[in-house]
């Protein structure tokens, strides 16, 4: 399982890359491995707002469909349109292929996310 040290992680297996008041969100290497070959990614609309824990999209694989949950409150400012034509990009490079970028609405929630080390430990306990 691959993690990147400069990202934050949720217990729902999303990663968060914070850049100022903006964040990129995707699913982790652990999640894409568990799902298997991803065949479809449902994206939200730009300007949609979500609270922590809300489902903002769906990832479908050959094994199952899984909601993608918002790890912090945010307003969608961009979606990764490349995933509509090539959803398998999430399998090949899960940390390069973000799903949405958001305007962070409550930056105090970032402190509640896991570090790479904490996330790795969480996954070991969950396996």
Protein backbone atom coordinates (compact mmCIF):
# COMPACT_ATOMS: atom_id res chain seq x y z
CA UNK A 1 0.00 0.00 0.00
CA UNK A 2 1.34 3.38 -1.00
CA UNK A 3 0.79 6.59 0.96
CA UNK A 4 2.25 10.05 0.46
CA UNK A 5 3.57 11.95 3.47
CA UNK A 6 2.27 15.35 2.39
CA UNK A 7 -1.39 14.26 2.22
CA UNK A 8 -4.14 13.89 4.80
CA UNK A 9 -6.39 10.83 4.93
CA UNK A 10 -9.91 10.00 6.04
CA UNK A 11 -11.10 6.75 7.60
CA UNK A 12 -13.35 6.41 4.53
CA UNK A 13 -10.17 6.08 2.41
CA UNK A 14 -10.12 9.47 0.73
CA UNK A 15 -6.93 11.51 0.51
CA UNK A 16 -6.78 15.31 0.81
CA UNK A 17 -4.09 17.59 -0.57
CA UNK A 18 -4.36 21.07 0.92
CA UNK A 19 -3.15 24.11 -1.05
CA UNK A 20 -4.10 27.30 0.79
CA UNK A 21 -7.91 27.50 1.00
CA UNK A 22 -8.27 24.85 -1.71
CA UNK A 23 -8.00 21.06 -1.48
CA UNK A 24 -7.79 18.19 -3.94
CA UNK A 25 -9.60 14.98 -3.01
CA UNK A 26 -9.20 11.46 -4.35
CA UNK A 27 -9.37 7.88 -3.18
CA UNK A 28 -6.37 6.14 -1.67
CA UNK A 29 -4.22 3.37 -3.06
CA UNK A 30 -5.71 1.08 -0.40
CA UNK A 31 -9.25 1.88 -1.62
CA UNK A 32 -8.51 1.40 -5.31
CA UNK A 33 -6.82 -1.93 -4.54
CA UNK A 34 -9.82 -3.08 -2.52
CA UNK A 35 -12.25 -2.05 -5.27
CA UNK A 36 -10.36 -3.66 -8.14
CA UNK A 37 -10.65 -2.43 -11.73
CA UNK A 38 -12.57 0.85 -11.69
CA UNK A 39 -14.98 1.18 -14.61
CA UNK A 40 -16.93 4.36 -13.76
CA UNK A 41 -16.60 7.48 -11.62
CA UNK A 42 -19.71 9.61 -10.94
CA UNK A 43 -18.70 13.23 -10.43
CA UNK A 44 -20.62 16.04 -8.68
CA UNK A 45 -21.46 19.39 -10.24
CA UNK A 46 -19.21 22.42 -9.83
CA UNK A 47 -20.63 24.79 -7.16
CA UNK A 48 -22.24 21.92 -5.22
CA UNK A 49 -21.57 22.14 -1.47
CA UNK A 50 -21.06 19.13 0.78
CA UNK A 51 -20.57 18.67 4.49
CA UNK A 52 -18.13 16.29 6.10
CA UNK A 53 -19.32 12.72 5.52
CA UNK A 54 -21.71 13.52 2.64
CA UNK A 55 -21.44 11.27 -0.42
CA UNK A 56 -20.34 13.47 -3.33
CA UNK A 57 -19.72 10.79 -5.94
CA UNK A 58 -19.60 7.10 -6.69
CA UNK A 59 -16.81 4.82 -7.83
CA UNK A 60 -17.87 1.64 -9.62
CA UNK A 61 -15.55 -1.28 -10.13
CA UNK A 62 -15.91 -4.78 -11.46
CA UNK A 63 -16.47 -5.86 -7.83
CA UNK A 64 -18.76 -3.19 -6.36
CA UNK A 65 -19.96 0.40 -6.29
CA UNK A 66 -18.83 2.63 -3.45
CA UNK A 67 -19.75 6.14 -2.37
CA UNK A 68 -17.00 8.74 -2.17
CA UNK A 69 -17.48 10.75 1.01
CA UNK A 70 -16.45 14.33 1.62
CA UNK A 71 -13.62 14.30 4.20
CA UNK A 72 -14.17 17.98 5.11
CA UNK A 73 -16.83 20.60 4.39
CA UNK A 74 -16.32 22.03 0.94
CA UNK A 75 -17.69 23.62 -2.21
CA UNK A 76 -16.78 21.92 -5.50
CA UNK A 77 -14.69 24.25 -7.64
CA UNK A 78 -13.43 21.72 -10.19
CA UNK A 79 -14.02 18.09 -11.19
CA UNK A 80 -11.51 15.85 -12.93
CA UNK A 81 -13.26 15.37 -16.30
CA UNK A 82 -10.51 12.98 -17.45
CA UNK A 83 -12.08 10.33 -15.22
CA UNK A 84 -15.30 10.32 -17.28
CA UNK A 85 -13.44 8.84 -20.25
CA UNK A 86 -10.68 7.04 -18.36
CA UNK A 87 -11.89 5.98 -14.88
CA UNK A 88 -9.07 3.43 -14.75
CA UNK A 89 -6.64 6.32 -14.14
CA UNK A 90 -7.62 6.01 -10.46
CA UNK A 91 -6.18 2.48 -10.49
CA UNK A 92 -2.93 3.41 -12.18
CA UNK A 93 -2.09 6.60 -10.24
CA UNK A 94 -4.55 7.17 -7.37
CA UNK A 95 -2.60 10.12 -5.96
CA UNK A 96 -2.11 11.85 -9.33
CA UNK A 97 -5.75 11.53 -10.37
CA UNK A 98 -7.75 13.63 -7.97
CA UNK A 99 -11.54 13.44 -8.27
CA UNK A 100 -12.59 16.94 -7.19
CA UNK A 101 -11.03 20.13 -5.95
CA UNK A 102 -12.91 22.11 -3.34
CA UNK A 103 -12.94 25.43 -1.59
CA UNK A 104 -12.35 24.54 2.06
CA UNK A 105 -15.28 25.81 4.13
CA UNK A 106 -13.98 24.79 7.59
CA UNK A 107 -10.22 24.42 7.83
CA UNK A 108 -10.40 23.25 11.45
CA UNK A 109 -11.62 19.88 10.13
CA UNK A 110 -8.22 19.26 8.53
CA UNK A 111 -6.81 18.67 12.01
CA UNK A 112 -9.20 15.73 12.39
CA UNK A 113 -7.82 13.91 9.33
CA UNK A 114 -5.12 11.25 9.61
CA UNK A 115 -1.44 11.60 8.76
CA UNK A 116 0.13 9.05 6.41
CA UNK A 117 1.51 7.09 9.37
CA UNK A 118 -1.85 7.13 11.19
CA UNK A 119 -3.65 6.05 8.01
CA UNK A 120 -1.26 3.15 7.42
CA UNK A 121 -1.84 1.96 10.98
CA UNK A 122 -5.62 2.34 10.52
CA UNK A 123 -5.52 0.20 7.36
CA UNK A 124 -3.43 -2.50 9.07
CA UNK A 125 -6.00 -2.69 11.86
CA UNK A 126 -8.89 -2.78 9.38
CA UNK A 127 -7.37 -5.57 7.22
